Amino acid sequence: MFSLKPASGWSFLGTASLALLMSSSAWCATSTQPASHPGKMVTLKGSREPYKGYLVEPKGKGPFPAVVVIMEWWGLNDQIKGVADRLAKVGYAALVPDLYYGKSTTDPEKAHELMRGLDQKEAITDLGSAMDYLRSLPEVGKAKIGSVGFCMGGGLSLQLALSRPDLSGAVMFYGQPDTDPLDLDKAACPVLGLFGADDQGIPAAKIQEMAKQLNEVGEGADVKIYPGAGHAFFNETRPSYNAEAAADAWTLTLTFFNARLKE
């Protein structure tokens, strides 16, 4: 069993509570100009009906390892497409499933409404469909597939690891933890968790318990917390963005995926 043990000196913390999400200045809506992206929209088999996803592939000839990129509560927007673009530049086919079926927002109240309306079982089914789509591509084929998610998507990235035995690595940025050993025993792969020290919504003990259980009954967990960083520290379009923490977290993410998906 491949297991990642928590690094010496690292602490554990979780995501902000919903009340904190709604009140924090980190969640103030910002307006940005539409960005140009190299990928394309594709049609996926949904739990209820066909839905869309943003696909971007590396240049050159595959097969390429692949990553399912799972959106924040805002929906499929330019920022999360940009994360997929960055993965493609370093050799991964990346797919962002539109779990809101065409809806997105910059308003926290609307984002709250959209997130509350998301059925988690259907979302996991849709994420599994995204994995199946990637597997069907000649450019991916039998190559390994991982996941990375942010906020709402961070929790879903963990849940995908608990439901898909063919997932090879899951990264969760400030996502909702699961501490039930009966759930975590189903983990198909190691989990990398990345959190901010100023993200006060989930008790440290809950994150510690999740990591402990994943290391005991799952496939291992490594979790890092960044001093001075809050919730959504990776999102460069938000006031909560912390460039230093984001850069280090991205390096750890790529190191994790290189070990889990390319070797």
C-alpha atoms as a PDB file:
ATOM      1  CA  MET A   1       0.000   0.000   0.000  1.00  0.00           C
ATOM      2  CA  PHE A   2       1.320   3.395  -0.998  1.00  0.00           C
ATOM      3  CA  SER A   3       0.984   5.764   1.966  1.00  0.00           C
ATOM      4  CA  LEU A   4       1.825   9.412   2.439  1.00  0.00           C
ATOM      5  CA  LYS A   5       2.584  10.318   6.046  1.00  0.00           C
ATOM      6  CA  PRO A   6       2.098  13.889   7.297  1.00  0.00           C
ATOM      7  CA  ALA A   7       5.350  15.845   6.994  1.00  0.00           C
ATOM      8  CA  SER A   8       7.143  16.775  10.188  1.00  0.00           C
ATOM      9  CA  GLY A   9       6.095  20.164  11.531  1.00  0.00           C
ATOM     10  CA  TRP A  10       2.966  20.457   9.370  1.00  0.00           C
ATOM     11  CA  SER A  11      -0.317  21.425  11.028  1.00  0.00           C
ATOM     12  CA  PHE A  12      -3.871  20.649  10.073  1.00  0.00           C
ATOM     13  CA  LEU A  13      -6.860  22.918   9.503  1.00  0.00           C
ATOM     14  CA  GLY A  14     -10.055  22.941   7.498  1.00  0.00           C
ATOM     15  CA  THR A  15     -12.304  25.086   5.355  1.00  0.00           C
ATOM     16  CA  ALA A  16     -14.331  28.087   6.450  1.00  0.00           C
ATOM     17  CA  SER A  17     -17.866  27.527   7.661  1.00  0.00           C
ATOM     18  CA  LEU A  18     -20.705  28.597   5.405  1.00  0.00           C
ATOM     19  CA  ALA A  19     -21.374  31.630   7.594  1.00  0.00           C
ATOM     20  CA  LEU A  20     -17.758  32.691   7.254  1.00  0.00           C
ATOM     21  CA  LEU A  21     -17.915  32.168   3.510  1.00  0.00           C
ATOM     22  CA  MET A  22     -20.917  34.442   3.274  1.00  0.00           C
ATOM     23  CA  SER A  23     -19.506  37.229   5.449  1.00  0.00           C
ATOM     24  CA  SER A  24     -15.798  37.250   4.675  1.00  0.00           C
ATOM     25  CA  SER A  25     -14.327  39.877   2.375  1.00  0.00           C
ATOM     26  CA  ALA A  26     -12.537  36.972   0.690  1.00  0.00           C
ATOM     27  CA  TRP A  27     -15.846  36.193  -0.987  1.00  0.00           C
ATOM     28  CA  CYS A  28     -16.663  39.654  -2.323  1.00  0.00           C
ATOM     29  CA  ALA A  29     -17.551  39.420  -5.985  1.00  0.00           C
ATOM     30  CA  THR A  30     -15.028  40.773  -8.433  1.00  0.00           C
ATOM     31  CA  SER A  31     -15.437  41.429 -12.117  1.00  0.00           C
ATOM     32  CA  THR A  32     -12.869  40.300 -14.631  1.00  0.00           C
ATOM     33  CA  GLN A  33     -12.723  40.417 -18.376  1.00  0.00           C
ATOM     34  CA  PRO A  34     -13.431  37.102 -20.144  1.00  0.00           C
ATOM     35  CA  ALA A  35     -10.200  35.224 -20.698  1.00  0.00           C
ATOM     36  CA  SER A  36      -9.042  33.356 -23.756  1.00  0.00           C
ATOM     37  CA  HIS A  37      -8.523  29.643 -23.175  1.00  0.00           C
ATOM     38  CA  PRO A  38      -6.855  27.037 -25.416  1.00  0.00           C
ATOM     39  CA  GLY A  39      -9.294  24.246 -24.591  1.00  0.00           C
ATOM     40  CA  LYS A  40     -12.790  23.419 -25.781  1.00  0.00           C
ATOM     41  CA  MET A  41     -16.219  22.587 -24.390  1.00  0.00           C
ATOM     42  CA  VAL A  42     -17.213  18.928 -24.656  1.00  0.00           C
ATOM     43  CA  THR A  43     -20.422  17.042 -23.930  1.00  0.00           C
ATOM     44  CA  LEU A  44     -20.461  14.560 -21.044  1.00  0.00           C
ATOM     45  CA  LYS A  45     -22.993  11.975 -19.913  1.00  0.00           C
ATOM     46  CA  GLY A  46     -24.721  13.457 -16.893  1.00  0.00           C
ATOM     47  CA  SER A  47     -26.638  11.878 -14.037  1.00  0.00           C
ATOM     48  CA  ARG A  48     -29.838  13.544 -15.310  1.00  0.00           C
ATOM     49  CA  GLU A  49     -29.012  14.732 -18.813  1.00  0.00           C
ATOM     50  CA  PRO A  50     -25.966  15.465 -20.979  1.00  0.00           C
ATOM     51  CA  TYR A  51     -23.878  18.321 -19.651  1.00  0.00           C
ATOM     52  CA  LYS A  52     -20.758  20.236 -20.586  1.00  0.00           C
ATOM     53  CA  GLY A  53     -17.160  20.276 -19.462  1.00  0.00           C
ATOM     54  CA  TYR A  54     -14.067  22.257 -20.341  1.00  0.00           C
ATOM     55  CA  LEU A  55     -11.315  20.053 -21.804  1.00  0.00           C
ATOM     56  CA  VAL A  56      -7.744  21.112 -22.469  1.00  0.00           C
ATOM     57  CA  GLU A  57      -4.954  18.805 -23.626  1.00  0.00           C
ATOM     58  CA  PRO A  58      -1.169  19.131 -23.763  1.00  0.00           C
ATOM     59  CA  LYS A  59       0.602  19.753 -27.017  1.00  0.00           C
ATOM     60  CA  GLY A  60       2.215  16.731 -28.614  1.00  0.00           C
ATOM     61  CA  LYS A  61       1.282  13.086 -28.791  1.00  0.00           C
ATOM     62  CA  GLY A  62      -0.196  11.132 -25.874  1.00  0.00           C
ATOM     63  CA  PRO A  63      -1.086   9.149 -24.013  1.00  0.00           C
ATOM     64  CA  PHE A  64      -1.174  11.785 -21.282  1.00  0.00           C
ATOM     65  CA  PRO A  65      -2.104  11.356 -17.628  1.00  0.00           C
ATOM     66  CA  ALA A  66      -5.291  13.231 -16.848  1.00  0.00           C
ATOM     67  CA  VAL A  67      -6.812  15.313 -14.056  1.00  0.00           C
ATOM     68  CA  VAL A  68     -10.449  16.040 -13.259  1.00  0.00           C
ATOM     69  CA  VAL A  69     -10.518  19.658 -12.030  1.00  0.00           C
ATOM     70  CA  ILE A  70     -13.458  20.295  -9.688  1.00  0.00           C
ATOM     71  CA  MET A  71     -14.886  23.793  -9.459  1.00  0.00           C
ATOM     72  CA  GLU A  72     -15.529  26.050  -6.471  1.00  0.00           C
ATOM     73  CA  TRP A  73     -19.079  27.084  -5.590  1.00  0.00           C
ATOM     74  CA  TRP A  74     -18.950  29.835  -8.235  1.00  0.00           C
ATOM     75  CA  GLY A  75     -19.345  27.368 -11.117  1.00  0.00           C
ATOM     76  CA  LEU A  76     -17.402  26.808 -14.318  1.00  0.00           C
ATOM     77  CA  ASN A  77     -15.683  30.173 -14.792  1.00  0.00           C
ATOM     78  CA  ASP A  78     -12.495  31.557 -16.311  1.00  0.00           C
ATOM     79  CA  GLN A  79     -10.506  31.093 -13.102  1.00  0.00           C
ATOM     80  CA  ILE A  80     -11.095  27.350 -12.851  1.00  0.00           C
ATOM     81  CA  LYS A  81     -10.533  26.956 -16.588  1.00  0.00           C
ATOM     82  CA  GLY A  82      -7.181  28.636 -15.973  1.00  0.00           C
ATOM     83  CA  VAL A  83      -6.251  25.937 -13.453  1.00  0.00           C
ATOM     84  CA  ALA A  84      -6.928  23.324 -16.129  1.00  0.00           C
ATOM     85  CA  ASP A  85      -4.856  25.315 -18.628  1.00  0.00           C
ATOM     86  CA  ARG A  86      -1.912  25.316 -16.213  1.00  0.00           C
ATOM     87  CA  LEU A  87      -2.126  21.545 -15.836  1.00  0.00           C
ATOM     88  CA  ALA A  88      -2.146  21.076 -19.611  1.00  0.00           C
ATOM     89  CA  LYS A  89       1.018  23.139 -19.912  1.00  0.00           C
ATOM     90  CA  VAL A  90       2.857  20.623 -17.721  1.00  0.00           C
ATOM     91  CA  GLY A  91       1.619  17.517 -19.486  1.00  0.00           C
ATOM     92  CA  TYR A  92      -1.848  16.644 -18.178  1.00  0.00           C
ATOM     93  CA  ALA A  93      -5.136  16.372 -20.034  1.00  0.00           C
ATOM     94  CA  ALA A  94      -7.486  18.348 -17.795  1.00  0.00           C
ATOM     95  CA  LEU A  95     -11.277  18.334 -17.694  1.00  0.00           C
ATOM     96  CA  VAL A  96     -13.497  20.668 -15.644  1.00  0.00           C
ATOM     97  CA  PRO A  97     -17.027  19.227 -15.408  1.00  0.00           C
ATOM     98  CA  ASP A  98     -19.802  21.840 -15.214  1.00  0.00           C
ATOM     99  CA  LEU A  99     -21.582  20.471 -12.153  1.00  0.00           C
ATOM    100  CA  TYR A 100     -24.108  23.326 -12.224  1.00  0.00           C
ATOM    101  CA  TYR A 101     -25.230  22.472 -15.770  1.00  0.00           C
ATOM    102  CA  GLY A 102     -24.559  25.878 -17.274  1.00  0.00           C
ATOM    103  CA  LYS A 103     -25.032  28.130 -14.242  1.00  0.00           C
ATOM    104  CA  SER A 104     -22.319  30.264 -12.651  1.00  0.00           C
ATOM    105  CA  THR A 105     -22.124  33.441 -10.589  1.00  0.00           C
ATOM    106  CA  THR A 106     -19.844  35.975  -8.913  1.00  0.00           C
ATOM    107  CA  ASP A 107     -22.419  36.667  -6.172  1.00  0.00           C
ATOM    108  CA  PRO A 108     -21.903  34.769  -2.887  1.00  0.00           C
ATOM    109  CA  GLU A 109     -25.651  34.594  -2.200  1.00  0.00           C
ATOM    110  CA  LYS A 110     -26.280  32.975  -5.572  1.00  0.00           C
ATOM    111  CA  ALA A 111     -23.255  30.712  -5.147  1.00  0.00           C
ATOM    112  CA  HIS A 112     -24.684  29.576  -1.811  1.00  0.00           C
ATOM    113  CA  GLU A 113     -27.985  28.798  -3.517  1.00  0.00           C
ATOM    114  CA  LEU A 114     -26.291  26.858  -6.315  1.00  0.00           C
ATOM    115  CA  MET A 115     -24.177  24.843  -3.890  1.00  0.00           C
ATOM    116  CA  ARG A 116     -27.186  23.988  -1.723  1.00  0.00           C
ATOM    117  CA  GLY A 117     -28.987  22.763  -4.810  1.00  0.00           C
ATOM    118  CA  LEU A 118     -26.169  20.414  -5.792  1.00  0.00           C
ATOM    119  CA  ASP A 119     -26.978  16.780  -5.024  1.00  0.00           C
ATOM    120  CA  GLN A 120     -23.701  15.221  -3.895  1.00  0.00           C
ATOM    121  CA  LYS A 121     -24.538  11.749  -5.180  1.00  0.00           C
ATOM    122  CA  GLU A 122     -25.372  13.172  -8.590  1.00  0.00           C
ATOM    123  CA  ALA A 123     -22.206  15.268  -8.507  1.00  0.00           C
ATOM    124  CA  ILE A 124     -20.073  12.208  -7.808  1.00  0.00           C
ATOM    125  CA  THR A 125     -21.830  10.365 -10.630  1.00  0.00           C
ATOM    126  CA  ASP A 126     -21.098  13.293 -12.959  1.00  0.00           C
ATOM    127  CA  LEU A 127     -17.449  13.378 -11.873  1.00  0.00           C
ATOM    128  CA  GLY A 128     -17.228   9.654 -12.561  1.00  0.00           C
ATOM    129  CA  SER A 129     -18.663  10.325 -16.002  1.00  0.00           C
ATOM    130  CA  ALA A 130     -15.898  12.875 -16.534  1.00  0.00           C
ATOM    131  CA  MET A 131     -13.335  10.217 -15.654  1.00  0.00           C
ATOM    132  CA  ASP A 132     -14.956   7.823 -18.109  1.00  0.00           C
ATOM    133  CA  TYR A 133     -14.855  10.474 -20.820  1.00  0.00           C
ATOM    134  CA  LEU A 134     -11.153  11.072 -20.227  1.00  0.00           C
ATOM    135  CA  ARG A 135     -10.521   7.333 -20.336  1.00  0.00           C
ATOM    136  CA  SER A 136     -12.292   7.147 -23.710  1.00  0.00           C
ATOM    137  CA  LEU A 137      -9.913   9.648 -25.291  1.00  0.00           C
ATOM    138  CA  PRO A 138      -7.054   8.131 -27.331  1.00  0.00           C
ATOM    139  CA  GLU A 139      -4.852  10.876 -25.881  1.00  0.00           C
ATOM    140  CA  VAL A 140      -5.443   9.430 -22.389  1.00  0.00           C
ATOM    141  CA  GLY A 141      -6.383   5.773 -22.804  1.00  0.00           C
ATOM    142  CA  LYS A 142      -4.973   3.673 -19.996  1.00  0.00           C
ATOM    143  CA  ALA A 143      -2.952   6.515 -18.470  1.00  0.00           C
ATOM    144  CA  LYS A 144      -3.607   7.352 -14.818  1.00  0.00           C
ATOM    145  CA  ILE A 145      -6.236   9.856 -13.728  1.00  0.00           C
ATOM    146  CA  GLY A 146      -6.252  12.112 -10.665  1.00  0.00           C
ATOM    147  CA  SER A 147      -8.468  14.858  -9.279  1.00  0.00           C
ATOM    148  CA  VAL A 148      -8.039  18.301  -7.774  1.00  0.00           C
ATOM    149  CA  GLY A 149     -10.788  20.443  -6.294  1.00  0.00           C
ATOM    150  CA  PHE A 150     -11.185  23.760  -4.497  1.00  0.00           C
ATOM    151  CA  CYS A 151     -13.551  24.657  -1.645  1.00  0.00           C
ATOM    152  CA  MET A 152     -16.754  22.761  -2.541  1.00  0.00           C
ATOM    153  CA  GLY A 153     -14.700  20.937  -5.163  1.00  0.00           C
ATOM    154  CA  GLY A 154     -12.063  20.043  -2.595  1.00  0.00           C
ATOM    155  CA  GLY A 155     -14.569  18.006  -0.627  1.00  0.00           C
ATOM    156  CA  LEU A 156     -15.814  16.419  -3.831  1.00  0.00           C
ATOM    157  CA  SER A 157     -12.256  15.494  -4.797  1.00  0.00           C
ATOM    158  CA  LEU A 158     -11.992  13.537  -1.561  1.00  0.00           C
ATOM    159  CA  GLN A 159     -15.377  11.921  -2.133  1.00  0.00           C
ATOM    160  CA  LEU A 160     -14.364  10.918  -5.647  1.00  0.00           C
ATOM    161  CA  ALA A 161     -11.381   9.081  -4.157  1.00  0.00           C
ATOM    162  CA  LEU A 162     -13.820   7.201  -1.923  1.00  0.00           C
ATOM    163  CA  SER A 163     -16.060   6.168  -4.807  1.00  0.00           C
ATOM    164  CA  ARG A 164     -13.798   5.443  -7.786  1.00  0.00           C
ATOM    165  CA  PRO A 165     -11.245   2.647  -7.391  1.00  0.00           C
ATOM    166  CA  ASP A 166      -9.511   3.776 -10.595  1.00  0.00           C
ATOM    167  CA  LEU A 167      -8.568   7.236  -9.255  1.00  0.00           C
ATOM    168  CA  SER A 168      -4.803   7.420  -8.704  1.00  0.00           C
ATOM    169  CA  GLY A 169      -4.457  10.571  -6.615  1.00  0.00           C
ATOM    170  CA  ALA A 170      -6.739  13.241  -5.091  1.00  0.00           C
ATOM    171  CA  VAL A 171      -5.830  16.812  -4.136  1.00  0.00           C
ATOM    172  CA  MET A 172      -8.215  18.820  -1.968  1.00  0.00           C
ATOM    173  CA  PHE A 173      -7.755  22.556  -1.473  1.00  0.00           C
ATOM    174  CA  TYR A 174      -9.602  23.669   1.692  1.00  0.00           C
ATOM    175  CA  GLY A 175     -12.343  21.080   1.155  1.00  0.00           C
ATOM    176  CA  GLN A 176     -14.854  19.568   3.562  1.00  0.00           C
ATOM    177  CA  PRO A 177     -13.179  16.685   5.441  1.00  0.00           C
ATOM    178  CA  ASP A 178     -14.656  13.261   6.083  1.00  0.00           C
ATOM    179  CA  THR A 179     -13.605  11.608   9.342  1.00  0.00           C
ATOM    180  CA  ASP A 180     -15.660   8.409   9.255  1.00  0.00           C
ATOM    181  CA  PRO A 181     -13.263   5.442   9.076  1.00  0.00           C
ATOM    182  CA  LEU A 182     -15.977   3.386   7.369  1.00  0.00           C
ATOM    183  CA  ASP A 183     -15.930   5.957   4.544  1.00  0.00           C
ATOM    184  CA  LEU A 184     -12.190   6.533   4.458  1.00  0.00           C
ATOM    185  CA  ASP A 185     -11.533   2.802   4.310  1.00  0.00           C
ATOM    186  CA  LYS A 186     -12.838   3.046   0.734  1.00  0.00           C
ATOM    187  CA  ALA A 187     -10.100   5.476  -0.334  1.00  0.00           C
ATOM    188  CA  ALA A 188      -8.617   4.280  -3.608  1.00  0.00           C
ATOM    189  CA  CYS A 189      -5.550   6.513  -3.534  1.00  0.00           C
ATOM    190  CA  PRO A 190      -3.463   8.892  -1.417  1.00  0.00           C
ATOM    191  CA  VAL A 191      -4.903  12.331  -0.654  1.00  0.00           C
ATOM    192  CA  LEU A 192      -3.059  15.657  -0.531  1.00  0.00           C
ATOM    193  CA  GLY A 193      -4.827  18.368   1.478  1.00  0.00           C
ATOM    194  CA  LEU A 194      -3.870  22.060   1.373  1.00  0.00           C
ATOM    195  CA  PHE A 195      -5.278  24.568   3.864  1.00  0.00           C
ATOM    196  CA  GLY A 196      -4.790  28.085   5.218  1.00  0.00           C
ATOM    197  CA  ALA A 197      -4.093  28.876   8.860  1.00  0.00           C
ATOM    198  CA  ASP A 198      -6.612  31.725   8.892  1.00  0.00           C
ATOM    199  CA  ASP A 199      -9.397  29.494   7.569  1.00  0.00           C
ATOM    200  CA  GLN A 200     -11.195  29.031  10.898  1.00  0.00           C
ATOM    201  CA  GLY A 201     -14.404  27.293   9.853  1.00  0.00           C
ATOM    202  CA  ILE A 202     -13.433  23.675  10.588  1.00  0.00           C
ATOM    203  CA  PRO A 203     -11.742  22.652  13.844  1.00  0.00           C
ATOM    204  CA  ALA A 204      -8.154  21.511  13.480  1.00  0.00           C
ATOM    205  CA  ALA A 205      -9.104  18.306  15.278  1.00  0.00           C
ATOM    206  CA  LYS A 206     -11.440  17.375  12.426  1.00  0.00           C
ATOM    207  CA  ILE A 207      -8.673  17.685   9.845  1.00  0.00           C
ATOM    208  CA  GLN A 208      -6.257  15.818  12.101  1.00  0.00           C
ATOM    209  CA  GLU A 209      -8.778  13.020  12.489  1.00  0.00           C
ATOM    210  CA  MET A 210      -9.319  12.786   8.723  1.00  0.00           C
ATOM    211  CA  ALA A 211      -5.586  12.557   8.077  1.00  0.00           C
ATOM    212  CA  LYS A 212      -5.130  10.052  10.900  1.00  0.00           C
ATOM    213  CA  GLN A 213      -7.881   7.802   9.560  1.00  0.00           C
ATOM    214  CA  LEU A 214      -6.649   8.036   5.966  1.00  0.00           C
ATOM    215  CA  ASN A 215      -3.186   7.008   7.100  1.00  0.00           C
ATOM    216  CA  GLU A 216      -4.568   4.133   9.169  1.00  0.00           C
ATOM    217  CA  VAL A 217      -7.368   2.703   7.045  1.00  0.00           C
ATOM    218  CA  GLY A 218      -7.042   4.465   3.686  1.00  0.00           C
ATOM    219  CA  GLU A 219      -4.205   4.931   1.242  1.00  0.00           C
ATOM    220  CA  GLY A 220      -2.507   7.730   3.147  1.00  0.00           C
ATOM    221  CA  ALA A 221      -2.814  11.497   3.500  1.00  0.00           C
ATOM    222  CA  ASP A 222      -0.438  14.444   3.548  1.00  0.00           C
ATOM    223  CA  VAL A 223      -1.783  17.796   4.667  1.00  0.00           C
ATOM    224  CA  LYS A 224      -0.108  21.197   4.768  1.00  0.00           C
ATOM    225  CA  ILE A 225      -1.342  24.387   6.348  1.00  0.00           C
ATOM    226  CA  TYR A 226      -0.060  27.839   5.369  1.00  0.00           C
ATOM    227  CA  PRO A 227       0.445  30.505   8.061  1.00  0.00           C
ATOM    228  CA  GLY A 228      -1.188  33.793   7.148  1.00  0.00           C
ATOM    229  CA  ALA A 229      -3.341  32.242   4.419  1.00  0.00           C
ATOM    230  CA  GLY A 230      -7.122  32.002   4.581  1.00  0.00           C
ATOM    231  CA  HIS A 231      -9.834  30.204   2.718  1.00  0.00           C
ATOM    232  CA  ALA A 232      -9.568  30.376  -1.088  1.00  0.00           C
ATOM    233  CA  PHE A 233      -5.917  31.402  -0.854  1.00  0.00           C
ATOM    234  CA  PHE A 234      -5.289  29.830  -4.271  1.00  0.00           C
ATOM    235  CA  ASN A 235      -7.894  31.849  -6.187  1.00  0.00           C
ATOM    236  CA  GLU A 236      -6.063  34.754  -7.799  1.00  0.00           C
ATOM    237  CA  THR A 237      -9.323  36.599  -8.548  1.00  0.00           C
ATOM    238  CA  ARG A 238     -10.242  36.917  -4.860  1.00  0.00           C
ATOM    239  CA  PRO A 239      -9.035  39.258  -2.121  1.00  0.00           C
ATOM    240  CA  SER A 240      -8.132  36.119  -0.163  1.00  0.00           C
ATOM    241  CA  TYR A 241      -5.400  35.236  -2.670  1.00  0.00           C
ATOM    242  CA  ASN A 242      -2.032  34.571  -1.063  1.00  0.00           C
ATOM    243  CA  ALA A 243       0.633  34.403  -3.758  1.00  0.00           C
ATOM    244  CA  GLU A 244       3.299  32.735  -1.631  1.00  0.00           C
ATOM    245  CA  ALA A 245       1.001  30.022  -0.297  1.00  0.00           C
ATOM    246  CA  ALA A 246      -0.550  29.475  -3.723  1.00  0.00           C
ATOM    247  CA  ALA A 247       2.840  29.045  -5.386  1.00  0.00           C
ATOM    248  CA  ASP A 248       4.008  26.505  -2.825  1.00  0.00           C
ATOM    249  CA  ALA A 249       0.695  24.632  -2.934  1.00  0.00           C
ATOM    250  CA  TRP A 250       0.917  24.415  -6.720  1.00  0.00           C
ATOM    251  CA  THR A 251       4.434  23.000  -6.467  1.00  0.00           C
ATOM    252  CA  LEU A 252       3.223  20.373  -3.997  1.00  0.00           C
ATOM    253  CA  THR A 253       0.272  19.556  -6.240  1.00  0.00           C
ATOM    254  CA  LEU A 254       2.494  18.995  -9.266  1.00  0.00           C
ATOM    255  CA  THR A 255       4.961  16.957  -7.224  1.00  0.00           C
ATOM    256  CA  PHE A 256       2.077  14.810  -5.972  1.00  0.00           C
ATOM    257  CA  PHE A 257       0.655  14.304  -9.459  1.00  0.00           C
ATOM    258  CA  ASN A 258       4.088  13.556 -10.914  1.00  0.00           C
ATOM    259  CA  ALA A 259       4.527  10.801  -8.336  1.00  0.00           C
ATOM    260  CA  ARG A 260       0.999   9.421  -8.589  1.00  0.00           C
ATOM    261  CA  LEU A 261       0.139   9.859 -12.268  1.00  0.00           C
ATOM    262  CA  LYS A 262       3.387   9.929 -14.241  1.00  0.00           C
ATOM    263  CA  GLU A 263       5.471   7.250 -12.527  1.00  0.00           C
END
